């Protein structure tokens, strides 16, 4: 089945193609890869699994090039395909990580220590509302994506609360729910890559919350 040029998250799942020389590859897995790598590192540090001293060395560079650039490229590609939801997610998160990497590298170290928490809290606050809208839209795709984005929503709420209050417990909440989002994204990545190589859906995505013929794998 030929994949139409204009296809959203619903239509793409109903026309999985085998890897062929003439097939147009999707960049969704690249966006997921960028999300997984940067989220695992950043939230692993927040959760206390990785030492805090590694944050300054890893997060700005990984955030800008992998979490930022990779997701932005995937978002632009999804926009070309007419996939508004994934274009917004990957494009938005790509820009988020590019901006956060620059803030962590250049802006935050130069701020008065008493202002650093509020600066990061204000930076993440608008994203809570953006992610909430994206979370609502994920109800029309499938259950795995809904659960993954539920974790993402908690992460942004916890990061904002941590920034404004300075309470370390919020940082731990963000870390562990971020790792939950990472696990969900890994499952989504495996499902998409295996579907493209096997020519059919392999991993179940859970109960579809929209008609099966319109749901994305």
N, C-alpha and C. Protein backbone atom coordinates (compact mmCIF):
# COMPACT_ATOMS: atom_id res chain seq x y z
N UNK A 1 0.86 -1.19 0.00
CA UNK A 1 0.00 0.00 0.00
C UNK A 1 0.89 1.23 0.00
N UNK A 2 0.65 2.16 -0.91
CA UNK A 2 1.46 3.36 -0.98
C UNK A 2 1.06 4.34 0.12
N UNK A 3 2.06 4.91 0.75
CA UNK A 3 1.81 5.87 1.80
C UNK A 3 1.54 7.23 1.19
N UNK A 4 0.40 7.87 1.44
CA UNK A 4 0.11 9.16 0.85
C UNK A 4 1.06 10.22 1.38
N UNK A 5 1.27 11.26 0.55
CA UNK A 5 2.19 12.32 0.98
C UNK A 5 1.67 13.02 2.22
N UNK A 6 0.37 13.25 2.28
CA UNK A 6 -0.20 13.94 3.43
C UNK A 6 -0.87 12.90 4.33
N UNK A 7 -0.24 12.59 5.45
CA UNK A 7 -0.79 11.59 6.35
C UNK A 7 -0.44 11.94 7.77
N UNK A 8 -1.43 11.89 8.63
CA UNK A 8 -1.22 12.20 10.03
C UNK A 8 -0.88 10.96 10.81
N UNK A 9 -0.84 11.04 12.14
CA UNK A 9 -0.48 9.90 12.96
C UNK A 9 -1.44 8.74 12.80
N UNK A 10 -2.70 9.04 12.45
CA UNK A 10 -3.68 7.97 12.29
C UNK A 10 -3.45 7.21 11.00
N UNK A 11 -3.27 7.94 9.90
CA UNK A 11 -3.18 7.30 8.60
C UNK A 11 -1.89 6.51 8.42
N UNK A 12 -0.82 6.92 9.09
CA UNK A 12 0.47 6.27 8.86
C UNK A 12 0.47 4.82 9.32
N UNK A 13 -0.28 4.52 10.38
CA UNK A 13 -0.25 3.16 10.91
C UNK A 13 -0.95 2.18 10.00
N UNK A 14 -1.86 2.63 9.18
CA UNK A 14 -2.63 1.73 8.32
C UNK A 14 -1.90 1.41 7.03
N UNK A 15 -0.69 1.95 6.84
CA UNK A 15 0.04 1.68 5.60
C UNK A 15 1.53 1.54 5.89
N UNK A 16 1.90 0.52 6.66
CA UNK A 16 3.31 0.26 6.96
C UNK A 16 3.97 -0.39 5.76
N UNK A 17 5.12 0.14 5.35
CA UNK A 17 5.80 -0.38 4.17
C UNK A 17 7.05 -1.16 4.56
N UNK A 18 7.42 -2.13 3.72
CA UNK A 18 8.70 -2.80 3.88
C UNK A 18 9.81 -1.88 3.42
N UNK A 19 11.02 -2.19 3.87
CA UNK A 19 12.17 -1.39 3.44
C UNK A 19 12.47 -1.71 1.98
N UNK A 20 12.28 -0.75 1.10
CA UNK A 20 12.52 -0.90 -0.31
C UNK A 20 13.36 0.28 -0.79
N UNK A 21 14.11 0.13 -1.87
CA UNK A 21 14.90 1.25 -2.37
C UNK A 21 14.07 2.47 -2.71
N UNK A 22 12.81 2.27 -3.09
CA UNK A 22 11.97 3.40 -3.49
C UNK A 22 11.12 3.93 -2.34
N UNK A 23 11.17 3.27 -1.19
CA UNK A 23 10.34 3.70 -0.07
C UNK A 23 10.93 4.94 0.59
N UNK A 24 10.06 5.83 1.06
CA UNK A 24 10.51 7.03 1.75
C UNK A 24 10.58 6.73 3.23
N UNK A 25 11.78 6.83 3.81
CA UNK A 25 11.96 6.53 5.23
C UNK A 25 11.28 7.59 6.08
N UNK A 26 10.84 7.20 7.25
CA UNK A 26 10.25 8.13 8.19
C UNK A 26 11.31 8.54 9.20
N UNK A 27 11.20 9.77 9.71
CA UNK A 27 12.16 10.27 10.69
C UNK A 27 11.60 10.24 12.11
N UNK A 28 10.40 9.65 12.27
CA UNK A 28 9.85 9.50 13.61
C UNK A 28 10.80 8.75 14.54
N UNK A 29 11.38 7.61 14.11
CA UNK A 29 12.34 6.91 14.97
C UNK A 29 13.56 7.76 15.34
N UNK A 30 14.00 8.63 14.43
CA UNK A 30 15.11 9.53 14.77
C UNK A 30 14.70 10.50 15.87
N UNK A 31 13.49 11.04 15.77
CA UNK A 31 13.00 11.91 16.83
C UNK A 31 12.89 11.19 18.16
N UNK A 32 12.39 9.95 18.13
CA UNK A 32 12.31 9.16 19.35
C UNK A 32 13.69 8.89 19.92
N UNK A 33 14.66 8.63 19.04
CA UNK A 33 16.02 8.39 19.50
C UNK A 33 16.57 9.60 20.24
N UNK A 34 16.37 10.79 19.65
CA UNK A 34 16.81 12.00 20.32
C UNK A 34 16.13 12.19 21.67
N UNK A 35 14.82 11.92 21.72
CA UNK A 35 14.08 12.03 22.97
C UNK A 35 14.61 11.05 24.01
N UNK A 36 14.85 9.82 23.61
CA UNK A 36 15.29 8.78 24.54
C UNK A 36 16.65 9.12 25.13
N UNK A 37 17.60 9.47 24.27
CA UNK A 37 18.97 9.69 24.74
C UNK A 37 19.04 10.84 25.73
N UNK A 38 18.46 12.00 25.36
CA UNK A 38 18.59 13.15 26.25
C UNK A 38 17.74 12.98 27.51
N UNK A 39 16.57 12.36 27.39
CA UNK A 39 15.71 12.19 28.56
C UNK A 39 16.32 11.18 29.53
N UNK A 40 16.91 10.12 29.03
CA UNK A 40 17.53 9.13 29.91
C UNK A 40 18.67 9.77 30.71
N UNK A 41 19.49 10.58 30.05
CA UNK A 41 20.61 11.21 30.74
C UNK A 41 20.13 12.26 31.74
N UNK A 42 19.28 13.18 31.27
CA UNK A 42 18.86 14.30 32.12
C UNK A 42 18.02 13.84 33.30
N UNK A 43 17.03 12.98 33.05
CA UNK A 43 16.17 12.55 34.15
C UNK A 43 16.84 11.48 35.01
N UNK A 44 17.79 10.74 34.43
CA UNK A 44 18.56 9.81 35.26
C UNK A 44 19.37 10.54 36.31
N UNK A 45 19.89 11.72 35.94
CA UNK A 45 20.60 12.56 36.91
C UNK A 45 19.62 13.10 37.94
N UNK A 46 18.45 13.57 37.49
CA UNK A 46 17.44 14.09 38.42
C UNK A 46 16.96 13.02 39.40
N UNK A 47 16.87 11.78 38.92
CA UNK A 47 16.40 10.69 39.78
C UNK A 47 17.47 10.23 40.76
N UNK A 48 18.71 10.66 40.57
CA UNK A 48 19.79 10.27 41.45
C UNK A 48 20.52 9.01 41.02
N UNK A 49 20.19 8.51 39.84
CA UNK A 49 20.87 7.30 39.35
C UNK A 49 22.27 7.63 38.87
N UNK A 50 22.42 8.76 38.16
CA UNK A 50 23.72 9.23 37.69
C UNK A 50 24.17 10.40 38.56
N UNK A 51 25.48 10.56 38.76
CA UNK A 51 25.97 11.66 39.62
C UNK A 51 25.62 13.04 39.08
N UNK A 52 25.30 13.95 39.98
CA UNK A 52 24.97 15.32 39.58
C UNK A 52 26.13 16.00 38.87
N UNK A 53 27.35 15.62 39.21
CA UNK A 53 28.51 16.31 38.64
C UNK A 53 28.64 16.07 37.13
N UNK A 54 27.91 15.08 36.59
CA UNK A 54 27.97 14.81 35.16
C UNK A 54 27.03 15.71 34.36
N UNK A 55 26.12 16.41 35.04
CA UNK A 55 25.12 17.21 34.33
C UNK A 55 25.76 18.30 33.48
N UNK A 56 26.71 19.03 34.04
CA UNK A 56 27.33 20.13 33.30
C UNK A 56 28.12 19.63 32.10
N UNK A 57 28.64 18.41 32.19
CA UNK A 57 29.45 17.88 31.10
C UNK A 57 28.61 17.30 29.98
N UNK A 58 27.48 16.68 30.31
CA UNK A 58 26.71 15.93 29.31
C UNK A 58 25.47 16.65 28.80
N UNK A 59 24.68 17.25 29.70
CA UNK A 59 23.35 17.71 29.33
C UNK A 59 23.37 18.82 28.27
N UNK A 60 24.22 19.86 28.37
CA UNK A 60 24.16 20.89 27.33
C UNK A 60 24.47 20.38 25.93
N UNK A 61 25.53 19.58 25.79
CA UNK A 61 25.91 19.08 24.46
C UNK A 61 24.90 18.08 23.93
N UNK A 62 24.55 17.10 24.75
CA UNK A 62 23.57 16.11 24.32
C UNK A 62 22.22 16.77 24.08
N UNK A 63 21.85 17.72 24.94
CA UNK A 63 20.58 18.40 24.78
C UNK A 63 20.49 19.17 23.48
N UNK A 64 21.56 19.86 23.09
CA UNK A 64 21.50 20.68 21.88
C UNK A 64 21.52 19.83 20.62
N UNK A 65 22.45 18.88 20.52
CA UNK A 65 22.62 18.17 19.26
C UNK A 65 21.71 16.95 19.11
N UNK A 66 21.52 16.20 20.17
CA UNK A 66 20.72 14.97 20.05
C UNK A 66 19.27 15.23 20.44
N UNK A 67 19.06 15.73 21.64
CA UNK A 67 17.69 16.05 22.03
C UNK A 67 17.11 17.19 21.23
N UNK A 68 17.94 18.16 20.82
CA UNK A 68 17.45 19.31 20.11
C UNK A 68 17.43 19.14 18.60
N UNK A 69 18.60 19.00 18.00
CA UNK A 69 18.69 18.97 16.54
C UNK A 69 18.00 17.76 15.94
N UNK A 70 18.19 16.58 16.54
CA UNK A 70 17.57 15.36 16.00
C UNK A 70 16.05 15.46 16.02
N UNK A 71 15.49 15.94 17.13
CA UNK A 71 14.04 16.04 17.21
C UNK A 71 13.50 17.14 16.30
N UNK A 72 14.25 18.23 16.16
CA UNK A 72 13.80 19.30 15.28
C UNK A 72 13.74 18.83 13.83
N UNK A 73 14.75 18.09 13.39
CA UNK A 73 14.74 17.55 12.03
C UNK A 73 13.55 16.61 11.83
N UNK A 74 13.31 15.76 12.83
CA UNK A 74 12.16 14.85 12.72
C UNK A 74 10.85 15.62 12.68
N UNK A 75 10.77 16.69 13.46
CA UNK A 75 9.55 17.50 13.45
C UNK A 75 9.30 18.18 12.12
N UNK A 76 10.36 18.69 11.50
CA UNK A 76 10.22 19.32 10.19
C UNK A 76 9.78 18.30 9.14
N UNK A 77 10.31 17.10 9.23
CA UNK A 77 9.92 16.05 8.28
C UNK A 77 8.46 15.66 8.47
N UNK A 78 8.04 15.52 9.73
CA UNK A 78 6.65 15.16 9.99
C UNK A 78 5.71 16.28 9.55
N UNK A 79 6.15 17.52 9.65
CA UNK A 79 5.33 18.63 9.16
C UNK A 79 5.15 18.54 7.66
N UNK A 80 6.19 18.15 6.95
CA UNK A 80 6.09 18.00 5.50
C UNK A 80 5.10 16.91 5.13
N UNK A 81 4.96 15.92 5.98
CA UNK A 81 4.04 14.82 5.73
C UNK A 81 2.61 15.15 6.16
N UNK A 82 2.42 16.30 6.78
CA UNK A 82 1.09 16.67 7.24
C UNK A 82 0.72 16.10 8.59
N UNK A 83 1.70 15.59 9.34
CA UNK A 83 1.46 14.99 10.65
C UNK A 83 1.62 16.07 11.71
N UNK A 84 0.53 16.76 12.03
CA UNK A 84 0.60 17.92 12.91
C UNK A 84 1.04 17.56 14.32
N UNK A 85 0.51 16.47 14.87
CA UNK A 85 0.82 16.13 16.26
C UNK A 85 2.31 15.84 16.44
N UNK A 86 2.86 14.94 15.60
CA UNK A 86 4.27 14.61 15.75
C UNK A 86 5.18 15.77 15.35
N UNK A 87 4.76 16.57 14.39
CA UNK A 87 5.55 17.75 14.03
C UNK A 87 5.64 18.70 15.21
N UNK A 88 4.53 18.88 15.93
CA UNK A 88 4.54 19.76 17.10
C UNK A 88 5.37 19.18 18.22
N UNK A 89 5.24 17.89 18.47
CA UNK A 89 5.99 17.25 19.55
C UNK A 89 7.49 17.30 19.29
N UNK A 90 7.92 16.76 18.15
CA UNK A 90 9.35 16.70 17.88
C UNK A 90 9.94 18.09 17.65
N UNK A 91 9.23 18.93 16.88
CA UNK A 91 9.73 20.28 16.65
C UNK A 91 9.79 21.10 17.93
N UNK A 92 8.73 21.02 18.73
CA UNK A 92 8.68 21.76 19.98
C UNK A 92 9.73 21.29 20.97
N UNK A 93 9.83 19.97 21.16
CA UNK A 93 10.81 19.45 22.10
C UNK A 93 12.24 19.69 21.61
N UNK A 94 12.43 19.66 20.30
CA UNK A 94 13.75 19.96 19.77
C UNK A 94 14.17 21.38 20.11
N UNK A 95 13.27 22.33 19.92
CA UNK A 95 13.57 23.72 20.27
C UNK A 95 13.71 23.88 21.78
N UNK A 96 12.91 23.14 22.54
CA UNK A 96 13.02 23.19 24.00
C UNK A 96 14.42 22.81 24.45
N UNK A 97 14.93 21.70 23.91
CA UNK A 97 16.25 21.24 24.35
C UNK A 97 17.37 22.11 23.85
N UNK A 98 17.22 22.68 22.66
CA UNK A 98 18.24 23.63 22.19
C UNK A 98 18.30 24.84 23.12
N UNK A 99 17.13 25.38 23.48
CA UNK A 99 17.09 26.54 24.36
C UNK A 99 17.61 26.19 25.76
N UNK A 100 17.21 25.03 26.26
CA UNK A 100 17.65 24.65 27.61
C UNK A 100 19.15 24.41 27.65
N UNK A 101 19.69 23.81 26.60
CA UNK A 101 21.13 23.58 26.56
C UNK A 101 21.90 24.90 26.60
N UNK A 102 21.43 25.88 25.85
CA UNK A 102 22.09 27.19 25.85
C UNK A 102 21.94 27.87 27.21
N UNK A 103 20.77 27.72 27.83
CA UNK A 103 20.57 28.31 29.16
C UNK A 103 21.51 27.69 30.19
N UNK A 104 21.61 26.37 30.16
CA UNK A 104 22.47 25.68 31.14
C UNK A 104 23.94 26.00 30.92
N UNK A 105 24.32 26.18 29.67
CA UNK A 105 25.72 26.42 29.36
C UNK A 105 26.15 27.87 29.58
N UNK A 106 25.27 28.82 29.22
CA UNK A 106 25.69 30.22 29.19
C UNK A 106 24.92 31.14 30.15
N UNK A 107 23.62 30.90 30.32
CA UNK A 107 22.80 31.85 31.07
C UNK A 107 22.78 31.57 32.56
N UNK A 108 22.41 30.34 32.92
CA UNK A 108 22.25 30.01 34.34
C UNK A 108 23.52 30.22 35.16
N UNK A 109 24.70 29.81 34.68
CA UNK A 109 25.91 30.03 35.50
C UNK A 109 26.18 31.50 35.79
N UNK A 110 25.73 32.39 34.94
CA UNK A 110 26.00 33.82 35.14
C UNK A 110 24.94 34.51 36.00
N UNK A 111 23.85 33.81 36.32
CA UNK A 111 22.79 34.40 37.13
C UNK A 111 23.15 34.38 38.61
N UNK A 112 22.53 35.28 39.35
CA UNK A 112 22.61 35.23 40.81
C UNK A 112 22.00 33.91 41.27
N UNK A 113 22.67 33.18 42.16
CA UNK A 113 22.12 31.88 42.61
C UNK A 113 20.69 31.94 43.09
N UNK A 114 20.29 33.06 43.65
CA UNK A 114 18.91 33.17 44.16
C UNK A 114 17.88 33.26 43.04
N UNK A 115 18.32 33.53 41.81
CA UNK A 115 17.40 33.67 40.69
C UNK A 115 17.37 32.44 39.79
N UNK A 116 18.30 31.52 39.97
CA UNK A 116 18.41 30.40 39.04
C UNK A 116 17.18 29.51 39.05
N UNK A 117 16.66 29.20 40.22
CA UNK A 117 15.48 28.34 40.31
C UNK A 117 14.27 28.97 39.65
N UNK A 118 14.03 30.26 39.95
CA UNK A 118 12.89 30.94 39.35
C UNK A 118 13.03 31.04 37.83
N UNK A 119 14.26 31.24 37.35
CA UNK A 119 14.49 31.33 35.91
C UNK A 119 14.13 30.03 35.22
N UNK A 120 14.54 28.90 35.80
CA UNK A 120 14.22 27.60 35.20
C UNK A 120 12.73 27.29 35.37
N UNK A 121 12.14 27.69 36.49
CA UNK A 121 10.70 27.47 36.68
C UNK A 121 9.88 28.23 35.66
N UNK A 122 10.27 29.49 35.39
CA UNK A 122 9.56 30.27 34.39
C UNK A 122 9.78 29.71 32.99
N UNK A 123 10.95 29.16 32.75
CA UNK A 123 11.25 28.58 31.44
C UNK A 123 10.36 27.37 31.15
N UNK A 124 10.10 26.53 32.15
CA UNK A 124 9.31 25.31 31.93
C UNK A 124 7.81 25.52 32.11
N UNK A 125 7.40 26.59 32.78
CA UNK A 125 5.97 26.79 33.07
C UNK A 125 5.09 26.78 31.81
N UNK A 126 5.39 27.55 30.76
CA UNK A 126 4.51 27.51 29.58
C UNK A 126 4.43 26.13 28.94
N UNK A 127 5.50 25.35 29.10
CA UNK A 127 5.50 24.02 28.50
C UNK A 127 4.52 23.08 29.17
N UNK A 128 4.18 23.36 30.43
CA UNK A 128 3.17 22.54 31.11
C UNK A 128 1.86 22.59 30.33
N UNK A 129 1.47 23.77 29.89
CA UNK A 129 0.21 23.94 29.17
C UNK A 129 0.30 23.35 27.75
N UNK A 130 1.46 23.53 27.12
CA UNK A 130 1.64 22.95 25.79
C UNK A 130 1.57 21.43 25.86
N UNK A 131 2.28 20.84 26.81
CA UNK A 131 2.29 19.38 26.94
C UNK A 131 0.90 18.88 27.32
N UNK A 132 0.16 19.64 28.11
CA UNK A 132 -1.20 19.23 28.47
C UNK A 132 -2.08 19.11 27.23
N UNK A 133 -1.97 20.07 26.31
CA UNK A 133 -2.74 20.01 25.07
C UNK A 133 -2.33 18.80 24.24
N UNK A 134 -1.04 18.55 24.14
CA UNK A 134 -0.55 17.39 23.40
C UNK A 134 -1.00 16.09 24.07
N UNK A 135 -1.04 16.09 25.39
CA UNK A 135 -1.50 14.91 26.13
C UNK A 135 -2.97 14.63 25.82
N UNK A 136 -3.79 15.69 25.78
CA UNK A 136 -5.20 15.51 25.44
C UNK A 136 -5.34 14.90 24.04
N UNK A 137 -4.53 15.39 23.09
CA UNK A 137 -4.60 14.87 21.72
C UNK A 137 -4.14 13.43 21.64
N UNK A 138 -3.24 13.01 22.54
CA UNK A 138 -2.72 11.64 22.48
C UNK A 138 -3.79 10.60 22.81
N UNK A 139 -4.91 11.03 23.41
CA UNK A 139 -6.01 10.11 23.67
C UNK A 139 -6.60 9.56 22.37
N UNK A 140 -6.36 10.23 21.26
CA UNK A 140 -6.92 9.80 19.98
C UNK A 140 -5.94 8.99 19.15
N UNK A 141 -4.85 8.54 19.79
CA UNK A 141 -3.87 7.77 19.03
C UNK A 141 -3.83 6.34 19.57
N UNK A 142 -3.06 6.07 20.59
CA UNK A 142 -3.11 4.74 21.21
C UNK A 142 -2.61 4.79 22.64
N UNK A 143 -2.77 3.68 23.36
CA UNK A 143 -2.57 3.67 24.80
C UNK A 143 -1.11 3.84 25.19
N UNK A 144 -0.19 3.24 24.46
CA UNK A 144 1.23 3.37 24.81
C UNK A 144 1.67 4.83 24.74
N UNK A 145 1.25 5.52 23.69
CA UNK A 145 1.61 6.93 23.56
C UNK A 145 0.95 7.76 24.65
N UNK A 146 -0.27 7.43 25.00
CA UNK A 146 -0.96 8.14 26.08
C UNK A 146 -0.21 7.99 27.39
N UNK A 147 0.20 6.77 27.73
CA UNK A 147 0.93 6.53 28.97
C UNK A 147 2.28 7.24 28.97
N UNK A 148 2.95 7.20 27.82
CA UNK A 148 4.24 7.87 27.72
C UNK A 148 4.08 9.37 27.94
N UNK A 149 3.07 9.95 27.31
CA UNK A 149 2.89 11.39 27.43
C UNK A 149 2.32 11.78 28.79
N UNK A 150 1.66 10.86 29.46
CA UNK A 150 1.25 11.13 30.84
C UNK A 150 2.48 11.33 31.72
N UNK A 151 3.50 10.50 31.51
CA UNK A 151 4.76 10.67 32.25
C UNK A 151 5.43 11.99 31.89
N UNK A 152 5.40 12.35 30.61
CA UNK A 152 6.01 13.61 30.18
C UNK A 152 5.32 14.80 30.85
N UNK A 153 4.00 14.75 30.95
CA UNK A 153 3.26 15.83 31.59
C UNK A 153 3.66 15.98 33.05
N UNK A 154 3.78 14.86 33.76
CA UNK A 154 4.21 14.91 35.16
C UNK A 154 5.61 15.50 35.27
N UNK A 155 6.48 15.14 34.34
CA UNK A 155 7.86 15.66 34.36
C UNK A 155 7.86 17.18 34.29
N UNK A 156 7.10 17.75 33.38
CA UNK A 156 7.12 19.20 33.23
C UNK A 156 6.49 19.90 34.43
N UNK A 157 5.44 19.31 34.99
CA UNK A 157 4.86 19.89 36.20
C UNK A 157 5.88 19.84 37.34
N UNK A 158 6.56 18.71 37.49
CA UNK A 158 7.53 18.57 38.58
C UNK A 158 8.73 19.50 38.38
N UNK A 159 9.22 19.65 37.14
CA UNK A 159 10.34 20.55 36.89
C UNK A 159 9.96 21.99 37.23
N UNK A 160 8.74 22.38 36.88
CA UNK A 160 8.30 23.73 37.18
C UNK A 160 8.19 23.96 38.68
N UNK A 161 7.61 22.99 39.39
CA UNK A 161 7.49 23.11 40.85
C UNK A 161 8.87 23.14 41.50
N UNK A 162 9.78 22.32 41.02
CA UNK A 162 11.14 22.32 41.56
C UNK A 162 11.83 23.66 41.35
N UNK A 163 11.63 24.25 40.15
CA UNK A 163 12.26 25.53 39.88
C UNK A 163 11.78 26.63 40.80
N UNK A 164 10.46 26.71 41.02
CA UNK A 164 9.91 27.80 41.82
C UNK A 164 10.07 27.57 43.33
N UNK A 165 10.05 26.30 43.76
CA UNK A 165 10.09 26.02 45.20
C UNK A 165 11.47 25.59 45.69
N UNK A 166 12.27 25.00 44.80
CA UNK A 166 13.58 24.51 45.23
C UNK A 166 13.52 23.22 46.02
N UNK A 167 12.35 22.61 46.12
CA UNK A 167 12.20 21.36 46.88
C UNK A 167 12.77 20.21 46.07
N UNK A 168 13.73 19.51 46.63
CA UNK A 168 14.44 18.45 45.91
C UNK A 168 13.52 17.30 45.54
N UNK A 169 12.47 17.07 46.34
CA UNK A 169 11.56 15.98 46.05
C UNK A 169 10.93 16.10 44.67
N UNK A 170 10.64 17.33 44.24
CA UNK A 170 10.08 17.52 42.90
C UNK A 170 11.07 17.10 41.82
N UNK A 171 12.35 17.30 42.09
CA UNK A 171 13.38 16.89 41.14
C UNK A 171 13.40 15.38 40.99
N UNK A 172 13.22 14.67 42.10
CA UNK A 172 13.18 13.21 42.06
C UNK A 172 11.94 12.72 41.32
N UNK A 173 10.81 13.38 41.53
CA UNK A 173 9.59 13.01 40.80
C UNK A 173 9.81 13.18 39.30
N UNK A 174 10.38 14.31 38.91
CA UNK A 174 10.67 14.54 37.49
C UNK A 174 11.60 13.47 36.94
N UNK A 175 12.59 13.09 37.74
CA UNK A 175 13.55 12.09 37.28
C UNK A 175 12.92 10.73 37.03
N UNK A 176 12.14 10.24 37.98
CA UNK A 176 11.59 8.90 37.84
C UNK A 176 10.49 8.83 36.79
N UNK A 177 9.66 9.86 36.70
CA UNK A 177 8.65 9.86 35.64
C UNK A 177 9.31 10.08 34.28
N UNK A 178 10.43 10.81 34.25
CA UNK A 178 11.17 10.95 33.00
C UNK A 178 11.72 9.61 32.53
N UNK A 179 12.18 8.80 33.46
CA UNK A 179 12.65 7.46 33.08
C UNK A 179 11.48 6.60 32.60
N UNK A 180 10.29 6.81 33.19
CA UNK A 180 9.11 6.12 32.69
C UNK A 180 8.78 6.52 31.26
N UNK A 181 8.90 7.83 30.97
CA UNK A 181 8.69 8.30 29.60
C UNK A 181 9.73 7.73 28.66
N UNK A 182 10.97 7.59 29.14
CA UNK A 182 12.03 7.00 28.33
C UNK A 182 11.70 5.56 27.96
N UNK A 183 11.19 4.79 28.95
CA UNK A 183 10.83 3.40 28.69
C UNK A 183 9.70 3.32 27.65
N UNK A 184 8.72 4.21 27.78
CA UNK A 184 7.64 4.23 26.80
C UNK A 184 8.13 4.58 25.41
N UNK A 185 9.05 5.56 25.32
CA UNK A 185 9.59 5.95 24.03
C UNK A 185 10.43 4.84 23.42
N UNK A 186 11.15 4.08 24.25
CA UNK A 186 11.91 2.93 23.76
C UNK A 186 10.98 1.89 23.14
N UNK A 187 9.86 1.67 23.78
CA UNK A 187 8.88 0.72 23.25
C UNK A 187 8.31 1.22 21.92
N UNK A 188 8.01 2.52 21.85
CA UNK A 188 7.51 3.10 20.60
C UNK A 188 8.56 3.00 19.49
N UNK A 189 9.82 3.26 19.84
CA UNK A 189 10.90 3.16 18.86
C UNK A 189 11.02 1.74 18.33
N UNK A 190 11.00 0.76 19.24
CA UNK A 190 11.08 -0.64 18.82
C UNK A 190 9.91 -1.00 17.92
N UNK A 191 8.71 -0.53 18.27
CA UNK A 191 7.54 -0.83 17.46
C UNK A 191 7.64 -0.26 16.06
N UNK A 192 8.12 0.98 15.93
CA UNK A 192 8.20 1.61 14.62
C UNK A 192 9.30 0.99 13.76
N UNK A 193 10.46 0.75 14.36
CA UNK A 193 11.58 0.18 13.58
C UNK A 193 11.25 -1.25 13.15
N UNK A 194 10.68 -2.05 14.05
CA UNK A 194 10.35 -3.43 13.70
C UNK A 194 9.23 -3.47 12.66
N UNK A 195 8.27 -2.56 12.75
CA UNK A 195 7.20 -2.53 11.75
C UNK A 195 7.74 -2.19 10.37
N UNK A 196 8.73 -1.28 10.32
CA UNK A 196 9.28 -0.89 9.02
C UNK A 196 10.13 -1.99 8.41
N UNK A 197 10.79 -2.80 9.23
CA UNK A 197 11.64 -3.87 8.69
C UNK A 197 10.87 -5.16 8.45
N UNK A 198 9.84 -5.42 9.25
CA UNK A 198 9.06 -6.64 9.09
C UNK A 198 7.89 -6.44 8.14
N UNK A 199 7.55 -5.18 7.84
CA UNK A 199 6.45 -4.90 6.93
C UNK A 199 5.08 -5.04 7.53
N UNK A 200 4.99 -5.12 8.85
CA UNK A 200 3.70 -5.23 9.52
C UNK A 200 3.90 -4.85 10.99
N UNK A 201 2.84 -4.44 11.68
CA UNK A 201 2.95 -4.16 13.12
C UNK A 201 3.38 -5.41 13.88
N UNK A 202 4.35 -5.28 14.77
CA UNK A 202 4.87 -6.41 15.54
C UNK A 202 4.52 -6.27 17.02
N UNK A 203 4.80 -5.11 17.59
CA UNK A 203 4.54 -4.90 19.01
C UNK A 203 3.16 -4.26 19.21
N UNK A 204 2.35 -4.80 20.10
CA UNK A 204 1.04 -4.19 20.35
C UNK A 204 1.20 -2.84 21.05
N UNK A 205 0.36 -1.90 20.64
CA UNK A 205 0.40 -0.58 21.23
C UNK A 205 -0.71 -0.38 22.26
N UNK A 206 -1.40 -1.44 22.62
CA UNK A 206 -2.45 -1.34 23.61
C UNK A 206 -3.80 -1.10 22.96
N UNK A 207 -4.81 -0.94 23.78
CA UNK A 207 -6.17 -0.72 23.28
C UNK A 207 -6.23 0.61 22.54
N UNK A 208 -6.65 0.57 21.29
CA UNK A 208 -6.77 1.79 20.52
C UNK A 208 -7.92 2.63 21.04
N UNK A 209 -7.66 3.91 21.20
CA UNK A 209 -8.68 4.84 21.68
C UNK A 209 -9.38 5.55 20.54
N UNK A 210 -9.02 5.18 19.30
CA UNK A 210 -9.68 5.68 18.10
C UNK A 210 -9.88 4.46 17.20
N UNK A 211 -10.74 4.47 16.22
CA UNK A 211 -10.97 3.29 15.39
C UNK A 211 -9.68 2.71 14.84
N UNK A 212 -9.53 1.37 14.84
CA UNK A 212 -8.29 0.75 14.43
C UNK A 212 -7.79 1.21 13.07
N UNK A 213 -8.69 1.46 12.12
CA UNK A 213 -8.24 1.86 10.79
C UNK A 213 -7.64 3.26 10.79
N UNK A 214 -7.84 4.03 11.87
CA UNK A 214 -7.29 5.37 11.95
C UNK A 214 -6.18 5.51 12.96
N UNK A 215 -5.80 4.43 13.60
CA UNK A 215 -4.84 4.52 14.71
C UNK A 215 -3.42 4.26 14.21
N UNK A 216 -2.48 4.89 14.87
CA UNK A 216 -1.08 4.76 14.46
C UNK A 216 -0.43 3.61 15.19
N UNK A 217 0.46 2.91 14.51
CA UNK A 217 1.20 1.81 15.12
C UNK A 217 2.28 2.38 16.03
